[in-house]
Amino acid sequence: MKLHNKKIIQLVSDDFEDLELWYPVLRLREEGATVVIAGEKPNETYIGKYGVPIESDVSFHDLDPNDFDAILVPGGWSPDKLRRYDDILSLIRVMNEQQKPIGQICHAGWVLISAKILEGKKVTSTPGIKDDMINAGATWVNEPVVVDANLVSSRRPPDLPDYMREFIKVLS
């Protein structure tokens, strides 16, 4: 149980990529971490792209980044919705300033772009947002997982084992 004393935010909104949200949540809980599901509203059911539901524990509007050790942004179409909330962008910026692990997979890079934290960073993502990542000042590479200080990025569901292995290393 490498992460028994760690507390992690998993952001959520509708149309998340089911595996890209659930696999990290389950994997981190296996390691003993407390994973808090944070949506716009507490106790709300959100539905993934393939129909798998998840219920939020809290509202991301009410979170204090000082209470958490890391944050995860899911892929799918969810990031395009999440990046529209100033509270999320502020949460990402503060956690980045504190060098807390930030995990992003697939389209999750959109949230980091909107938070303006990618300048000079090496990252990966789904190739579909490669240009967005580059235009935000990042160096984009086509690898299963990339770690740059506190940022852990990955491309897509087949890369989830690599992504979680590296995220757990950074977090522990």
Protein backbone atom coordinates (compact mmCIF):
# COMPACT_ATOMS: atom_id res chain seq x y z
CA MET A 1 0.00 0.00 0.00
CA LYS A 2 2.36 2.69 -1.28
CA LEU A 3 -0.23 5.46 -1.14
CA HIS A 4 -2.13 4.82 2.10
CA ASN A 5 -1.74 8.43 3.28
CA LYS A 6 -2.38 10.16 -0.07
CA LYS A 7 -5.51 12.04 -1.07
CA ILE A 8 -6.19 12.58 -4.77
CA ILE A 9 -8.79 14.57 -6.72
CA GLN A 10 -10.33 12.86 -9.76
CA LEU A 11 -12.17 15.49 -11.79
CA VAL A 12 -15.32 14.46 -13.66
CA SER A 13 -18.03 15.75 -15.97
CA ASP A 14 -20.20 13.96 -18.50
CA ASP A 15 -18.64 12.27 -21.52
CA PHE A 16 -15.41 11.25 -19.74
CA GLU A 17 -13.54 8.35 -21.34
CA ASP A 18 -14.71 5.49 -19.13
CA LEU A 19 -11.41 3.59 -18.84
CA GLU A 20 -9.34 6.76 -18.49
CA LEU A 21 -11.32 7.72 -15.40
CA TRP A 22 -12.09 4.36 -13.79
CA TYR A 23 -8.72 2.62 -14.29
CA PRO A 24 -6.75 5.32 -12.39
CA VAL A 25 -9.38 5.52 -9.63
CA LEU A 26 -9.31 1.76 -9.05
CA ARG A 27 -5.53 1.46 -9.39
CA LEU A 28 -4.89 4.25 -6.88
CA ARG A 29 -7.40 2.82 -4.44
CA GLU A 30 -5.61 -0.54 -4.74
CA GLU A 31 -2.49 1.26 -3.51
CA GLY A 32 -4.40 2.63 -0.52
CA ALA A 33 -5.01 6.20 -1.73
CA THR A 34 -8.19 8.11 -1.01
CA VAL A 35 -9.60 9.23 -4.36
CA VAL A 36 -12.23 11.96 -4.19
CA ILE A 37 -14.51 12.26 -7.23
CA ALA A 38 -15.10 15.98 -7.90
CA GLY A 39 -17.83 17.17 -10.27
CA GLU A 40 -19.66 20.44 -10.66
CA LYS A 41 -22.22 19.25 -8.10
CA PRO A 42 -21.79 16.83 -5.17
CA ASN A 43 -23.64 13.50 -5.24
CA GLU A 44 -24.35 13.88 -8.96
CA THR A 45 -24.18 10.96 -11.39
CA TYR A 46 -21.99 11.58 -14.44
CA ILE A 47 -22.04 9.28 -17.47
CA GLY A 48 -19.00 8.27 -19.50
CA LYS A 49 -18.80 8.14 -23.30
CA TYR A 50 -19.63 4.42 -23.22
CA GLY A 51 -22.35 4.67 -20.59
CA VAL A 52 -20.45 3.81 -17.39
CA PRO A 53 -21.65 6.05 -14.53
CA ILE A 54 -19.79 7.53 -11.59
CA GLU A 55 -21.13 9.59 -8.70
CA SER A 56 -19.29 12.66 -7.47
CA ASP A 57 -18.35 12.95 -3.81
CA VAL A 58 -17.90 16.72 -3.79
CA SER A 59 -18.18 19.84 -5.92
CA PHE A 60 -14.89 21.00 -7.41
CA HIS A 61 -16.03 24.54 -6.53
CA ASP A 62 -15.52 23.68 -2.84
CA LEU A 63 -12.05 22.11 -2.99
CA ASP A 64 -8.96 23.47 -1.28
CA PRO A 65 -5.82 22.33 -3.12
CA ASN A 66 -3.94 22.32 0.19
CA ASP A 67 -6.08 19.36 1.31
CA PHE A 68 -4.87 17.12 -1.55
CA ASP A 69 -1.66 15.50 -2.74
CA ALA A 70 -2.46 15.20 -6.47
CA ILE A 71 -5.09 15.69 -9.16
CA LEU A 72 -6.21 13.66 -12.18
CA VAL A 73 -7.95 15.00 -15.28
CA PRO A 74 -9.82 12.37 -17.31
CA GLY A 75 -9.86 12.13 -21.07
CA GLY A 76 -12.82 11.92 -23.41
CA TRP A 77 -14.90 15.01 -24.09
CA SER A 78 -15.05 15.85 -20.38
CA PRO A 79 -11.93 18.09 -20.46
CA ASP A 80 -13.58 20.45 -22.94
CA LYS A 81 -16.31 21.02 -20.35
CA LEU A 82 -14.03 21.10 -17.29
CA ARG A 83 -11.72 23.77 -18.69
CA ARG A 84 -14.57 26.27 -18.75
CA TYR A 85 -14.60 26.57 -14.93
CA ASP A 86 -12.31 29.13 -13.32
CA ASP A 87 -12.29 27.08 -10.09
CA ILE A 88 -10.75 24.12 -11.93
CA LEU A 89 -8.15 26.24 -13.69
CA SER A 90 -7.21 27.85 -10.39
CA LEU A 91 -7.00 24.43 -8.72
CA ILE A 92 -4.67 23.18 -11.49
CA ARG A 93 -2.49 26.31 -11.29
CA VAL A 94 -2.12 26.17 -7.51
CA MET A 95 -1.33 22.46 -7.49
CA ASN A 96 1.22 23.04 -10.25
CA GLU A 97 2.84 25.88 -8.29
CA GLN A 98 3.04 23.52 -5.29
CA GLN A 99 4.62 20.87 -7.57
CA LYS A 100 1.87 18.37 -6.73
CA PRO A 101 1.38 15.57 -9.28
CA ILE A 102 -1.04 16.39 -12.08
CA GLY A 103 -2.14 13.47 -14.23
CA GLN A 104 -3.60 14.02 -17.68
CA ILE A 105 -4.50 11.53 -20.38
CA CYS A 106 -5.83 11.82 -23.91
CA HIS A 107 -7.82 15.09 -24.29
CA ALA A 108 -7.16 16.09 -20.65
CA GLY A 109 -4.37 18.33 -21.92
CA TRP A 110 -7.05 20.86 -22.85
CA VAL A 111 -7.51 21.64 -19.15
CA LEU A 112 -3.78 22.21 -18.65
CA ILE A 113 -3.70 24.38 -21.78
CA SER A 114 -6.51 26.55 -20.42
CA ALA A 115 -4.72 26.73 -17.06
CA LYS A 116 -1.67 28.00 -18.95
CA ILE A 117 0.85 25.67 -17.27
CA LEU A 118 2.40 23.91 -20.27
CA GLU A 119 4.96 26.49 -21.40
CA GLY A 120 8.33 24.73 -21.66
CA LYS A 121 6.98 21.33 -20.54
CA LYS A 122 7.46 18.00 -22.27
CA VAL A 123 4.13 16.16 -22.63
CA THR A 124 2.09 13.69 -24.61
CA SER A 125 -1.62 13.38 -25.34
CA THR A 126 -3.92 11.98 -27.94
CA PRO A 127 -2.42 13.00 -31.30
CA GLY A 128 -5.70 14.84 -31.95
CA ILE A 129 -4.64 17.71 -29.66
CA LYS A 130 -0.93 17.64 -30.49
CA ASP A 131 -1.11 21.06 -32.18
CA ASP A 132 -3.01 22.53 -29.22
CA MET A 133 -0.31 21.30 -26.84
CA ILE A 134 2.49 22.70 -29.03
CA ASN A 135 0.66 26.03 -29.44
CA ALA A 136 0.46 26.21 -25.62
CA GLY A 137 4.26 26.10 -25.50
CA ALA A 138 4.81 22.42 -24.75
CA THR A 139 7.14 19.99 -26.46
CA TRP A 140 4.89 17.14 -27.59
CA VAL A 141 6.20 13.58 -28.01
CA ASN A 142 4.43 10.43 -29.15
CA GLU A 143 5.19 8.14 -26.19
CA PRO A 144 2.92 6.09 -23.90
CA VAL A 145 3.72 8.24 -20.87
CA VAL A 146 5.82 11.35 -20.25
CA VAL A 147 6.91 12.67 -16.87
CA ASP A 148 8.12 16.27 -16.62
CA ALA A 149 8.60 17.16 -12.94
CA ASN A 150 5.08 16.97 -11.44
CA LEU A 151 3.23 16.53 -14.76
CA VAL A 152 2.42 12.98 -15.85
CA SER A 153 0.82 12.72 -19.28
CA SER A 154 -0.38 9.82 -21.39
CA ARG A 155 -2.01 9.21 -24.77
CA ARG A 156 -4.92 6.76 -24.62
CA PRO A 157 -6.45 3.70 -22.90
CA PRO A 158 -3.82 1.14 -24.03
CA ASP A 159 -1.21 3.28 -22.23
CA LEU A 160 -3.03 3.19 -18.87
CA PRO A 161 -0.67 0.67 -17.19
CA ASP A 162 2.37 2.84 -18.07
CA TYR A 163 0.51 6.00 -17.05
CA MET A 164 -0.48 4.70 -13.63
CA ARG A 165 2.92 3.14 -12.94
CA GLU A 166 4.61 6.51 -13.50
CA PHE A 167 1.91 8.53 -11.71
CA ILE A 168 2.24 6.30 -8.65
CA LYS A 169 6.04 6.74 -8.71
CA VAL A 170 5.74 10.54 -8.84
CA LEU A 171 3.09 10.54 -6.11
CA SER A 172 5.01 8.25 -3.77
